[in-house]
Amino acid sequence: MRIIDVPDAELAGPNDVKIKLEYMSVCGSDIYLEYDADLPEEHYPLKPGKPIHECAGIVTESRDPDYVEGQRVIVIPDEAAGASEYVVQTADRIIKVPEWGGLDEWVMCQHSGTALYSAKKWGNAVGNRIAVLGQGGIGLSFTMFASKQGAAQVVGIDLEEYRCEKALELGATGTINASNDDVLEAAKELTDGNLFDVVVDASGNPDGLDTSVAIARSEGQVISFSLTGQQPVNFKHLAWMGKNLQLNATVIAATNQPVQEIREVVDLKDRGWVDPGLLKTHEMDFEELPEAFEQYRLRQDGVIKIALRVS
């Protein structure tokens, strides 16, 4: 990765909005799909600004009357090319944020909103036993939502003990450290043998789907958020069929309303119901982007979410 000079993005369309970015954040999909992926040679070099899509900043120019100069926003750049000083985008990928609080924390609403879209698939959480495989920023967002919605049990599962501890801070009733424990046996113990009504796979691991099926109860539900890039996914089809499990793939970017739940999370944070800003563990400068990607990839120094300051 290197920092280069390119021409500033400029207004072109009749409804374009130009935004000067103040903060951005690394997402697990940036790692799995591009940064740490073994892509065909013709994919390189990537487009300038890739692969970053969690961005927040201030409107500097606008051809859209709903967005005025000085408005603070979250923006999802086209082609996930957001690692830049300026972004030009249209309203369908821009979310207004309130004037209070730091953009370093508001930017975290972007990824939590994508999790909210998926969490809606479990319906009424009250009384249910919900397990979340993977306790990075996305998995912890699921943990927060399940706890806030009144699930009877919320169990965070991860390979890192510090992430298991963070899950407890954010409302989990229990955790499983998959580095030390047999996940299925621990799941049986925590649920008195009943297993989980809902299992969310937010692991990014090719084995995550099989693990989710194993710890879900018969006629339960598996929600897949996990992106594994080019790696083949192991899936025991008969185990899934034998339990009559509902299996939901959930990718908000594949819908025709890719920012609806992000706007909803911004409103929920504004009301004080949930705070994705609690997931921020580090703040770094834009010039430290390569170090940030490596820290995130290797899960160093207790990292969960990094806010990168654009100076």
C-alpha atoms as a PDB file:
ATOM      1  CA  MET A   1       0.000   0.000   0.000  1.00  0.00           C
ATOM      2  CA  ARG A   2       1.206   3.510  -0.715  1.00  0.00           C
ATOM      3  CA  ILE A   3      -0.138   7.044  -0.596  1.00  0.00           C
ATOM      4  CA  ILE A   4      -0.274   8.835  -3.961  1.00  0.00           C
ATOM      5  CA  ASP A   5      -1.536  12.136  -5.358  1.00  0.00           C
ATOM      6  CA  VAL A   6      -4.536  11.972  -7.701  1.00  0.00           C
ATOM      7  CA  PRO A   7      -6.903  14.716  -8.910  1.00  0.00           C
ATOM      8  CA  ASP A   8      -9.648  15.580  -6.438  1.00  0.00           C
ATOM      9  CA  ALA A   9     -13.057  14.087  -7.133  1.00  0.00           C
ATOM     10  CA  GLU A  10     -15.315  16.692  -8.753  1.00  0.00           C
ATOM     11  CA  LEU A  11     -19.053  17.152  -9.132  1.00  0.00           C
ATOM     12  CA  ALA A  12     -20.283  15.684 -12.421  1.00  0.00           C
ATOM     13  CA  GLY A  13     -23.909  14.549 -12.094  1.00  0.00           C
ATOM     14  CA  PRO A  14     -26.930  16.808 -11.404  1.00  0.00           C
ATOM     15  CA  ASN A  15     -27.332  15.544  -7.811  1.00  0.00           C
ATOM     16  CA  ASP A  16     -23.715  15.012  -6.806  1.00  0.00           C
ATOM     17  CA  VAL A  17     -22.430  15.849  -3.335  1.00  0.00           C
ATOM     18  CA  LYS A  18     -18.732  16.398  -2.577  1.00  0.00           C
ATOM     19  CA  ILE A  19     -17.542  15.348   0.867  1.00  0.00           C
ATOM     20  CA  LYS A  20     -14.220  16.006   2.570  1.00  0.00           C
ATOM     21  CA  LEU A  21     -13.525  12.914   4.628  1.00  0.00           C
ATOM     22  CA  GLU A  22     -12.519  13.310   8.262  1.00  0.00           C
ATOM     23  CA  TYR A  23     -12.567   9.662   9.403  1.00  0.00           C
ATOM     24  CA  MET A  24     -12.610   6.218   7.886  1.00  0.00           C
ATOM     25  CA  SER A  25     -12.419   2.709   9.311  1.00  0.00           C
ATOM     26  CA  VAL A  26     -11.136  -0.690   8.236  1.00  0.00           C
ATOM     27  CA  CYS A  27     -13.744  -3.429   7.737  1.00  0.00           C
ATOM     28  CA  GLY A  28     -13.234  -7.184   7.845  1.00  0.00           C
ATOM     29  CA  SER A  29     -14.445  -7.418   4.248  1.00  0.00           C
ATOM     30  CA  ASP A  30     -11.624  -5.065   3.205  1.00  0.00           C
ATOM     31  CA  ILE A  31      -9.234  -7.682   4.566  1.00  0.00           C
ATOM     32  CA  TYR A  32     -10.912 -10.871   3.345  1.00  0.00           C
ATOM     33  CA  LEU A  33     -11.986  -9.713  -0.104  1.00  0.00           C
ATOM     34  CA  GLU A  34      -9.026  -7.601  -1.220  1.00  0.00           C
ATOM     35  CA  TYR A  35      -6.161  -6.744   1.132  1.00  0.00           C
ATOM     36  CA  ASP A  36      -5.393 -10.307   2.237  1.00  0.00           C
ATOM     37  CA  ALA A  37      -6.922 -12.027  -0.792  1.00  0.00           C
ATOM     38  CA  ASP A  38      -5.010 -13.796  -3.552  1.00  0.00           C
ATOM     39  CA  LEU A  39      -6.618 -12.062  -6.516  1.00  0.00           C
ATOM     40  CA  PRO A  40      -5.775 -12.672 -10.188  1.00  0.00           C
ATOM     41  CA  GLU A  41      -2.849 -10.568 -11.399  1.00  0.00           C
ATOM     42  CA  GLU A  42      -5.039  -8.459 -13.695  1.00  0.00           C
ATOM     43  CA  HIS A  43      -6.870  -7.049 -10.643  1.00  0.00           C
ATOM     44  CA  TYR A  44      -3.745  -5.086  -9.681  1.00  0.00           C
ATOM     45  CA  PRO A  45      -3.168  -2.282  -9.091  1.00  0.00           C
ATOM     46  CA  LEU A  46      -6.488  -1.681  -7.359  1.00  0.00           C
ATOM     47  CA  LYS A  47      -8.356   1.538  -8.046  1.00  0.00           C
ATOM     48  CA  PRO A  48      -6.968   4.426  -5.923  1.00  0.00           C
ATOM     49  CA  GLY A  49      -8.821   4.509  -2.604  1.00  0.00           C
ATOM     50  CA  LYS A  50      -9.591   0.792  -2.415  1.00  0.00           C
ATOM     51  CA  PRO A  51     -10.451  -1.061  -0.301  1.00  0.00           C
ATOM     52  CA  ILE A  52     -12.205   1.278   2.170  1.00  0.00           C
ATOM     53  CA  HIS A  53     -15.955   1.876   2.393  1.00  0.00           C
ATOM     54  CA  GLU A  54     -16.578   3.039   5.989  1.00  0.00           C
ATOM     55  CA  CYS A  55     -16.223   6.824   5.727  1.00  0.00           C
ATOM     56  CA  ALA A  56     -17.502   9.994   7.380  1.00  0.00           C
ATOM     57  CA  GLY A  57     -16.920  13.636   6.610  1.00  0.00           C
ATOM     58  CA  ILE A  58     -18.342  17.077   5.856  1.00  0.00           C
ATOM     59  CA  VAL A  59     -20.127  18.298   2.731  1.00  0.00           C
ATOM     60  CA  THR A  60     -18.056  20.937   0.888  1.00  0.00           C
ATOM     61  CA  GLU A  61     -20.109  21.271  -2.334  1.00  0.00           C
ATOM     62  CA  SER A  62     -23.555  20.054  -3.299  1.00  0.00           C
ATOM     63  CA  ARG A  63     -25.968  19.959  -6.203  1.00  0.00           C
ATOM     64  CA  ASP A  64     -28.546  18.230  -4.023  1.00  0.00           C
ATOM     65  CA  PRO A  65     -30.735  20.664  -2.018  1.00  0.00           C
ATOM     66  CA  ASP A  66     -31.039  18.120   0.824  1.00  0.00           C
ATOM     67  CA  TYR A  67     -27.304  18.367   1.514  1.00  0.00           C
ATOM     68  CA  VAL A  68     -25.773  21.735   2.316  1.00  0.00           C
ATOM     69  CA  GLU A  69     -22.200  22.821   2.899  1.00  0.00           C
ATOM     70  CA  GLY A  70     -21.095  21.899   6.409  1.00  0.00           C
ATOM     71  CA  GLN A  71     -23.498  18.949   6.791  1.00  0.00           C
ATOM     72  CA  ARG A  72     -21.884  16.002   8.579  1.00  0.00           C
ATOM     73  CA  VAL A  73     -22.447  12.652   6.881  1.00  0.00           C
ATOM     74  CA  ILE A  74     -21.517   9.012   6.600  1.00  0.00           C
ATOM     75  CA  VAL A  75     -20.795   8.143   2.976  1.00  0.00           C
ATOM     76  CA  ILE A  76     -20.395   4.812   1.211  1.00  0.00           C
ATOM     77  CA  PRO A  77     -18.189   5.456  -1.821  1.00  0.00           C
ATOM     78  CA  ASP A  78     -18.699   3.677  -5.117  1.00  0.00           C
ATOM     79  CA  GLU A  79     -16.495   0.620  -5.647  1.00  0.00           C
ATOM     80  CA  ALA A  80     -15.376   0.788  -1.993  1.00  0.00           C
ATOM     81  CA  ALA A  81     -12.752   3.353  -2.985  1.00  0.00           C
ATOM     82  CA  GLY A  82     -12.946   5.543   0.102  1.00  0.00           C
ATOM     83  CA  ALA A  83      -9.326   5.837   1.209  1.00  0.00           C
ATOM     84  CA  SER A  84      -9.041   9.361  -0.153  1.00  0.00           C
ATOM     85  CA  GLU A  85      -9.345  12.973   0.924  1.00  0.00           C
ATOM     86  CA  TYR A  86     -12.503  13.728  -1.061  1.00  0.00           C
ATOM     87  CA  VAL A  87     -15.437  11.586  -2.209  1.00  0.00           C
ATOM     88  CA  VAL A  88     -18.246  12.525  -4.608  1.00  0.00           C
ATOM     89  CA  GLN A  89     -21.466  10.602  -4.105  1.00  0.00           C
ATOM     90  CA  THR A  90     -25.255  10.812  -4.488  1.00  0.00           C
ATOM     91  CA  ALA A  91     -27.880  10.769  -1.753  1.00  0.00           C
ATOM     92  CA  ASP A  92     -28.658   7.057  -2.083  1.00  0.00           C
ATOM     93  CA  ARG A  93     -25.283   6.343  -0.434  1.00  0.00           C
ATOM     94  CA  ILE A  94     -25.113   9.239   2.045  1.00  0.00           C
ATOM     95  CA  ILE A  95     -26.451   9.285   5.632  1.00  0.00           C
ATOM     96  CA  LYS A  96     -26.787  12.499   7.628  1.00  0.00           C
ATOM     97  CA  VAL A  97     -25.495  12.426  11.202  1.00  0.00           C
ATOM     98  CA  PRO A  98     -26.308  14.777  14.104  1.00  0.00           C
ATOM     99  CA  GLU A  99     -24.114  17.704  15.074  1.00  0.00           C
ATOM    100  CA  TRP A 100     -23.134  16.229  18.435  1.00  0.00           C
ATOM    101  CA  GLY A 101     -20.389  13.669  19.013  1.00  0.00           C
ATOM    102  CA  GLY A 102     -17.252  12.853  17.064  1.00  0.00           C
ATOM    103  CA  LEU A 103     -17.230  11.519  13.520  1.00  0.00           C
ATOM    104  CA  ASP A 104     -14.667   8.969  14.738  1.00  0.00           C
ATOM    105  CA  GLU A 105     -17.571   7.287  16.546  1.00  0.00           C
ATOM    106  CA  TRP A 106     -20.404   8.075  14.122  1.00  0.00           C
ATOM    107  CA  VAL A 107     -18.503   6.310  11.324  1.00  0.00           C
ATOM    108  CA  MET A 108     -18.941   3.064  13.289  1.00  0.00           C
ATOM    109  CA  CYS A 109     -22.684   3.210  12.557  1.00  0.00           C
ATOM    110  CA  GLN A 110     -21.954   2.180   8.984  1.00  0.00           C
ATOM    111  CA  HIS A 111     -20.888  -1.365   9.743  1.00  0.00           C
ATOM    112  CA  SER A 112     -23.349  -1.773  12.636  1.00  0.00           C
ATOM    113  CA  GLY A 113     -26.136  -0.805  10.235  1.00  0.00           C
ATOM    114  CA  THR A 114     -25.189  -3.654   7.912  1.00  0.00           C
ATOM    115  CA  ALA A 115     -25.487  -5.991  10.903  1.00  0.00           C
ATOM    116  CA  LEU A 116     -28.915  -4.571  11.792  1.00  0.00           C
ATOM    117  CA  TYR A 117     -30.162  -5.478   8.320  1.00  0.00           C
ATOM    118  CA  SER A 118     -29.159  -9.087   8.989  1.00  0.00           C
ATOM    119  CA  ALA A 119     -30.407  -9.107  12.586  1.00  0.00           C
ATOM    120  CA  LYS A 120     -33.910  -8.300  11.363  1.00  0.00           C
ATOM    121  CA  LYS A 121     -33.977 -11.813   9.897  1.00  0.00           C
ATOM    122  CA  TRP A 122     -34.252 -13.352  13.372  1.00  0.00           C
ATOM    123  CA  GLY A 123     -37.539 -11.549  14.017  1.00  0.00           C
ATOM    124  CA  ASN A 124     -38.607 -11.213  17.640  1.00  0.00           C
ATOM    125  CA  ALA A 125     -35.527 -12.015  19.735  1.00  0.00           C
ATOM    126  CA  VAL A 126     -37.334 -12.063  23.086  1.00  0.00           C
ATOM    127  CA  GLY A 127     -36.816 -15.389  24.845  1.00  0.00           C
ATOM    128  CA  ASN A 128     -34.550 -16.839  22.166  1.00  0.00           C
ATOM    129  CA  ARG A 129     -31.084 -18.315  22.603  1.00  0.00           C
ATOM    130  CA  ILE A 130     -28.786 -16.531  20.130  1.00  0.00           C
ATOM    131  CA  ALA A 131     -25.141 -17.361  19.420  1.00  0.00           C
ATOM    132  CA  VAL A 132     -22.833 -15.136  17.378  1.00  0.00           C
ATOM    133  CA  LEU A 133     -19.798 -16.754  15.787  1.00  0.00           C
ATOM    134  CA  GLY A 134     -17.055 -14.127  15.537  1.00  0.00           C
ATOM    135  CA  GLN A 135     -16.789 -11.109  17.834  1.00  0.00           C
ATOM    136  CA  GLY A 136     -15.163  -8.505  15.647  1.00  0.00           C
ATOM    137  CA  GLY A 137     -16.986  -5.243  15.015  1.00  0.00           C
ATOM    138  CA  ILE A 138     -19.818  -6.942  13.116  1.00  0.00           C
ATOM    139  CA  GLY A 139     -20.230  -9.850  15.519  1.00  0.00           C
ATOM    140  CA  LEU A 140     -20.235  -7.501  18.504  1.00  0.00           C
ATOM    141  CA  SER A 141     -22.915  -5.431  16.777  1.00  0.00           C
ATOM    142  CA  PHE A 142     -25.094  -8.552  16.569  1.00  0.00           C
ATOM    143  CA  THR A 143     -24.355  -9.205  20.239  1.00  0.00           C
ATOM    144  CA  MET A 144     -25.474  -5.690  21.176  1.00  0.00           C
ATOM    145  CA  PHE A 145     -28.681  -5.940  19.149  1.00  0.00           C
ATOM    146  CA  ALA A 146     -29.617  -9.356  20.534  1.00  0.00           C
ATOM    147  CA  SER A 147     -29.063  -8.167  24.087  1.00  0.00           C
ATOM    148  CA  LYS A 148     -31.021  -4.939  23.568  1.00  0.00           C
ATOM    149  CA  GLN A 149     -33.883  -6.862  21.966  1.00  0.00           C
ATOM    150  CA  GLY A 150     -34.323  -9.142  24.970  1.00  0.00           C
ATOM    151  CA  ALA A 151     -32.844 -12.482  23.906  1.00  0.00           C
ATOM    152  CA  ALA A 152     -32.822 -14.976  26.768  1.00  0.00           C
ATOM    153  CA  GLN A 153     -29.234 -15.944  26.016  1.00  0.00           C
ATOM    154  CA  VAL A 154     -26.617 -14.154  23.925  1.00  0.00           C
ATOM    155  CA  VAL A 155     -23.391 -16.101  23.510  1.00  0.00           C
ATOM    156  CA  GLY A 156     -20.366 -14.603  21.770  1.00  0.00           C
ATOM    157  CA  ILE A 157     -17.902 -17.045  20.201  1.00  0.00           C
ATOM    158  CA  ASP A 158     -14.387 -16.054  19.152  1.00  0.00           C
ATOM    159  CA  LEU A 159     -10.795 -17.237  18.986  1.00  0.00           C
ATOM    160  CA  GLU A 160      -9.544 -14.234  20.987  1.00  0.00           C
ATOM    161  CA  GLU A 161     -10.207 -13.908  24.705  1.00  0.00           C
ATOM    162  CA  TYR A 162     -10.176 -10.099  24.596  1.00  0.00           C
ATOM    163  CA  ARG A 163     -13.046 -10.169  22.126  1.00  0.00           C
ATOM    164  CA  CYS A 164     -14.982 -12.591  24.316  1.00  0.00           C
ATOM    165  CA  GLU A 165     -14.516 -10.150  27.200  1.00  0.00           C
ATOM    166  CA  LYS A 166     -15.780  -7.279  25.025  1.00  0.00           C
ATOM    167  CA  ALA A 167     -18.868  -9.338  24.183  1.00  0.00           C
ATOM    168  CA  LEU A 168     -19.695  -9.585  27.897  1.00  0.00           C
ATOM    169  CA  GLU A 169     -19.294  -5.817  28.239  1.00  0.00           C
ATOM    170  CA  LEU A 170     -21.794  -5.304  25.415  1.00  0.00           C
ATOM    171  CA  GLY A 171     -24.519  -7.586  26.750  1.00  0.00           C
ATOM    172  CA  ALA A 172     -23.533 -11.211  26.113  1.00  0.00           C
ATOM    173  CA  THR A 173     -24.727 -13.612  28.801  1.00  0.00           C
ATOM    174  CA  GLY A 174     -21.860 -15.989  28.074  1.00  0.00           C
ATOM    175  CA  THR A 175     -18.938 -16.635  25.742  1.00  0.00           C
ATOM    176  CA  ILE A 176     -17.057 -19.519  24.148  1.00  0.00           C
ATOM    177  CA  ASN A 177     -13.355 -19.198  23.391  1.00  0.00           C
ATOM    178  CA  ALA A 178     -12.974 -21.439  20.339  1.00  0.00           C
ATOM    179  CA  SER A 179      -9.200 -21.548  20.809  1.00  0.00           C
ATOM    180  CA  ASN A 180      -9.583 -23.429  24.087  1.00  0.00           C
ATOM    181  CA  ASP A 181     -13.039 -25.017  24.104  1.00  0.00           C
ATOM    182  CA  ASP A 182     -14.899 -27.543  22.001  1.00  0.00           C
ATOM    183  CA  VAL A 183     -17.575 -25.224  20.607  1.00  0.00           C
ATOM    184  CA  LEU A 184     -20.318 -27.855  20.329  1.00  0.00           C
ATOM    185  CA  GLU A 185     -19.762 -29.224  23.827  1.00  0.00           C
ATOM    186  CA  ALA A 186     -19.618 -25.718  25.304  1.00  0.00           C
ATOM    187  CA  ALA A 187     -22.830 -24.823  23.448  1.00  0.00           C
ATOM    188  CA  LYS A 188     -24.580 -27.870  24.884  1.00  0.00           C
ATOM    189  CA  GLU A 189     -23.413 -26.954  28.382  1.00  0.00           C
ATOM    190  CA  LEU A 190     -24.543 -23.326  28.131  1.00  0.00           C
ATOM    191  CA  THR A 191     -27.983 -24.266  26.774  1.00  0.00           C
ATOM    192  CA  ASP A 192     -28.658 -27.388  28.899  1.00  0.00           C
ATOM    193  CA  GLY A 193     -28.386 -29.448  25.737  1.00  0.00           C
ATOM    194  CA  ASN A 194     -30.984 -27.463  23.797  1.00  0.00           C
ATOM    195  CA  LEU A 195     -28.504 -25.662  21.481  1.00  0.00           C
ATOM    196  CA  PHE A 196     -29.338 -22.279  19.956  1.00  0.00           C
ATOM    197  CA  ASP A 197     -32.507 -21.018  18.335  1.00  0.00           C
ATOM    198  CA  VAL A 198     -30.474 -18.644  16.152  1.00  0.00           C
ATOM    199  CA  VAL A 199     -26.809 -18.786  15.183  1.00  0.00           C
ATOM    200  CA  VAL A 200     -25.153 -15.888  13.346  1.00  0.00           C
ATOM    201  CA  ASP A 201     -21.975 -16.591  11.397  1.00  0.00           C
ATOM    202  CA  ALA A 202     -19.884 -13.414  11.401  1.00  0.00           C
ATOM    203  CA  SER A 203     -16.573 -15.250  11.535  1.00  0.00           C
ATOM    204  CA  GLY A 204     -15.101 -14.814   8.055  1.00  0.00           C
ATOM    205  CA  ASN A 205     -13.933 -18.413   8.452  1.00  0.00           C
ATOM    206  CA  PRO A 206     -14.636 -21.092   5.798  1.00  0.00           C
ATOM    207  CA  ASP A 207     -15.559 -23.510   8.619  1.00  0.00           C
ATOM    208  CA  GLY A 208     -17.942 -21.030  10.239  1.00  0.00           C
ATOM    209  CA  LEU A 209     -21.049 -22.221   8.430  1.00  0.00           C
ATOM    210  CA  ASP A 210     -20.523 -25.833   9.491  1.00  0.00           C
ATOM    211  CA  THR A 211     -19.942 -24.750  13.081  1.00  0.00           C
ATOM    212  CA  SER A 212     -23.127 -22.684  12.994  1.00  0.00           C
ATOM    213  CA  VAL A 213     -25.158 -25.641  11.745  1.00  0.00           C
ATOM    214  CA  ALA A 214     -23.672 -27.875  14.452  1.00  0.00           C
ATOM    215  CA  ILE A 215     -24.703 -25.609  17.347  1.00  0.00           C
ATOM    216  CA  ALA A 216     -28.171 -24.694  16.049  1.00  0.00           C
ATOM    217  CA  ARG A 217     -31.167 -26.622  17.379  1.00  0.00           C
ATOM    218  CA  SER A 218     -33.427 -28.637  15.093  1.00  0.00           C
ATOM    219  CA  GLU A 219     -35.705 -26.316  13.102  1.00  0.00           C
ATOM    220  CA  GLY A 220     -33.626 -23.368  14.225  1.00  0.00           C
ATOM    221  CA  GLN A 221     -32.066 -20.651  12.098  1.00  0.00           C
ATOM    222  CA  VAL A 222     -28.596 -19.811  10.778  1.00  0.00           C
ATOM    223  CA  ILE A 223     -27.929 -16.252   9.586  1.00  0.00           C
ATOM    224  CA  SER A 224     -24.820 -15.931   7.449  1.00  0.00           C
ATOM    225  CA  PHE A 225     -23.075 -12.563   7.358  1.00  0.00           C
ATOM    226  CA  SER A 226     -19.652 -14.086   6.818  1.00  0.00           C
ATOM    227  CA  LEU A 227     -17.534 -13.193   3.779  1.00  0.00           C
ATOM    228  CA  THR A 228     -14.628 -15.547   3.116  1.00  0.00           C
ATOM    229  CA  GLY A 229     -13.289 -14.128  -0.124  1.00  0.00           C
ATOM    230  CA  GLN A 230     -11.952 -16.669  -2.611  1.00  0.00           C
ATOM    231  CA  GLN A 231     -11.630 -19.517  -0.110  1.00  0.00           C
ATOM    232  CA  PRO A 232     -13.872 -22.555  -0.631  1.00  0.00           C
ATOM    233  CA  VAL A 233     -16.469 -22.981   2.126  1.00  0.00           C
ATOM    234  CA  ASN A 234     -16.899 -26.331   3.837  1.00  0.00           C
ATOM    235  CA  PHE A 235     -20.562 -27.210   4.250  1.00  0.00           C
ATOM    236  CA  LYS A 236     -22.016 -30.462   5.545  1.00  0.00           C
ATOM    237  CA  HIS A 237     -25.217 -30.452   3.564  1.00  0.00           C
ATOM    238  CA  LEU A 238     -26.763 -33.481   5.288  1.00  0.00           C
ATOM    239  CA  ALA A 239     -26.244 -31.945   8.742  1.00  0.00           C
ATOM    240  CA  TRP A 240     -28.150 -28.852   7.613  1.00  0.00           C
ATOM    241  CA  MET A 241     -30.914 -30.864   5.989  1.00  0.00           C
ATOM    242  CA  GLY A 242     -31.182 -33.226   8.932  1.00  0.00           C
ATOM    243  CA  LYS A 243     -32.043 -30.355  11.257  1.00  0.00           C
ATOM    244  CA  ASN A 244     -34.549 -28.651   8.925  1.00  0.00           C
ATOM    245  CA  LEU A 245     -32.653 -25.417   9.469  1.00  0.00           C
ATOM    246  CA  GLN A 246     -33.611 -22.075   7.989  1.00  0.00           C
ATOM    247  CA  LEU A 247     -30.517 -20.594   6.343  1.00  0.00           C
ATOM    248  CA  ASN A 248     -30.385 -16.883   5.485  1.00  0.00           C
ATOM    249  CA  ALA A 249     -27.659 -15.188   3.468  1.00  0.00           C
ATOM    250  CA  THR A 250     -27.656 -11.493   4.332  1.00  0.00           C
ATOM    251  CA  VAL A 251     -25.731  -8.844   2.371  1.00  0.00           C
ATOM    252  CA  ILE A 252     -27.221  -5.346   2.632  1.00  0.00           C
ATOM    253  CA  ALA A 253     -25.138  -4.137  -0.324  1.00  0.00           C
ATOM    254  CA  ALA A 254     -27.027  -6.560  -2.560  1.00  0.00           C
ATOM    255  CA  THR A 255     -30.382  -4.915  -1.784  1.00  0.00           C
ATOM    256  CA  ASN A 256     -32.038  -1.915  -3.443  1.00  0.00           C
ATOM    257  CA  GLN A 257     -31.859   0.027  -0.140  1.00  0.00           C
ATOM    258  CA  PRO A 258     -28.226  -0.337   0.935  1.00  0.00           C
ATOM    259  CA  VAL A 259     -28.300   2.435   3.561  1.00  0.00           C
ATOM    260  CA  GLN A 260     -31.733   2.063   5.204  1.00  0.00           C
ATOM    261  CA  GLU A 261     -30.522   0.215   8.296  1.00  0.00           C
ATOM    262  CA  ILE A 262     -27.448   2.433   8.562  1.00  0.00           C
ATOM    263  CA  ARG A 263     -29.785   5.435   8.839  1.00  0.00           C
ATOM    264  CA  GLU A 264     -31.765   3.523  11.458  1.00  0.00           C
ATOM    265  CA  VAL A 265     -28.640   2.836  13.535  1.00  0.00           C
ATOM    266  CA  VAL A 266     -27.712   6.534  13.360  1.00  0.00           C
ATOM    267  CA  ASP A 267     -31.193   7.346  14.728  1.00  0.00           C
ATOM    268  CA  LEU A 268     -30.863   4.669  17.425  1.00  0.00           C
ATOM    269  CA  LYS A 269     -27.489   6.065  18.511  1.00  0.00           C
ATOM    270  CA  ASP A 270     -28.960   9.567  18.541  1.00  0.00           C
ATOM    271  CA  ARG A 271     -31.702   8.276  20.893  1.00  0.00           C
ATOM    272  CA  GLY A 272     -29.170   6.500  23.096  1.00  0.00           C
ATOM    273  CA  TRP A 273     -30.540   2.992  22.463  1.00  0.00           C
ATOM    274  CA  VAL A 274     -27.299   1.586  21.049  1.00  0.00           C
ATOM    275  CA  ASP A 275     -23.788   2.986  20.623  1.00  0.00           C
ATOM    276  CA  PRO A 276     -21.558   1.516  17.892  1.00  0.00           C
ATOM    277  CA  GLY A 277     -18.901   4.002  18.999  1.00  0.00           C
ATOM    278  CA  LEU A 278     -18.146   1.605  21.870  1.00  0.00           C
ATOM    279  CA  LEU A 279     -16.535  -0.700  19.321  1.00  0.00           C
ATOM    280  CA  LYS A 280     -13.727   1.777  18.554  1.00  0.00           C
ATOM    281  CA  THR A 281     -10.507   0.636  20.190  1.00  0.00           C
ATOM    282  CA  HIS A 282      -7.865   2.605  18.257  1.00  0.00           C
ATOM    283  CA  GLU A 283      -7.391   5.928  16.498  1.00  0.00           C
ATOM    284  CA  MET A 284      -4.641   6.407  13.930  1.00  0.00           C
ATOM    285  CA  ASP A 285      -3.666   8.873  11.192  1.00  0.00           C
ATOM    286  CA  PHE A 286      -4.506   8.312   7.528  1.00  0.00           C
ATOM    287  CA  GLU A 287      -0.779   7.997   6.814  1.00  0.00           C
ATOM    288  CA  GLU A 288      -0.765   4.922   9.082  1.00  0.00           C
ATOM    289  CA  LEU A 289      -3.274   3.080   6.895  1.00  0.00           C
ATOM    290  CA  PRO A 290      -0.857   0.239   6.017  1.00  0.00           C
ATOM    291  CA  GLU A 291      -0.124  -0.320   9.712  1.00  0.00           C
ATOM    292  CA  ALA A 292      -3.854  -0.235  10.470  1.00  0.00           C
ATOM    293  CA  PHE A 293      -4.583  -2.945   7.910  1.00  0.00           C
ATOM    294  CA  GLU A 294      -1.845  -5.153   9.312  1.00  0.00           C
ATOM    295  CA  GLN A 295      -2.982  -4.612  12.889  1.00  0.00           C
ATOM    296  CA  TYR A 296      -6.549  -5.500  11.909  1.00  0.00           C
ATOM    297  CA  ARG A 297      -5.468  -8.535   9.862  1.00  0.00           C
ATOM    298  CA  LEU A 298      -3.300  -9.935  12.658  1.00  0.00           C
ATOM    299  CA  ARG A 299      -5.706  -8.896  15.492  1.00  0.00           C
ATOM    300  CA  GLN A 300      -2.938  -7.121  17.364  1.00  0.00           C
ATOM    301  CA  ASP A 301      -3.103  -4.942  20.479  1.00  0.00           C
ATOM    302  CA  GLY A 302      -6.731  -5.768  21.313  1.00  0.00           C
ATOM    303  CA  VAL A 303      -8.000  -4.250  18.067  1.00  0.00           C
ATOM    304  CA  ILE A 304     -11.692  -4.304  17.235  1.00  0.00           C
ATOM    305  CA  LYS A 305     -12.317  -1.120  15.227  1.00  0.00           C
ATOM    306  CA  ILE A 306      -9.826   1.534  14.127  1.00  0.00           C
ATOM    307  CA  ALA A 307     -10.808   5.128  13.360  1.00  0.00           C
ATOM    308  CA  LEU A 308      -8.410   6.647  10.818  1.00  0.00           C
ATOM    309  CA  ARG A 309      -8.106  10.418  10.988  1.00  0.00           C
ATOM    310  CA  VAL A 310      -7.802  12.189   7.604  1.00  0.00           C
ATOM    311  CA  SER A 311      -5.552  15.205   8.200  1.00  0.00           C
END
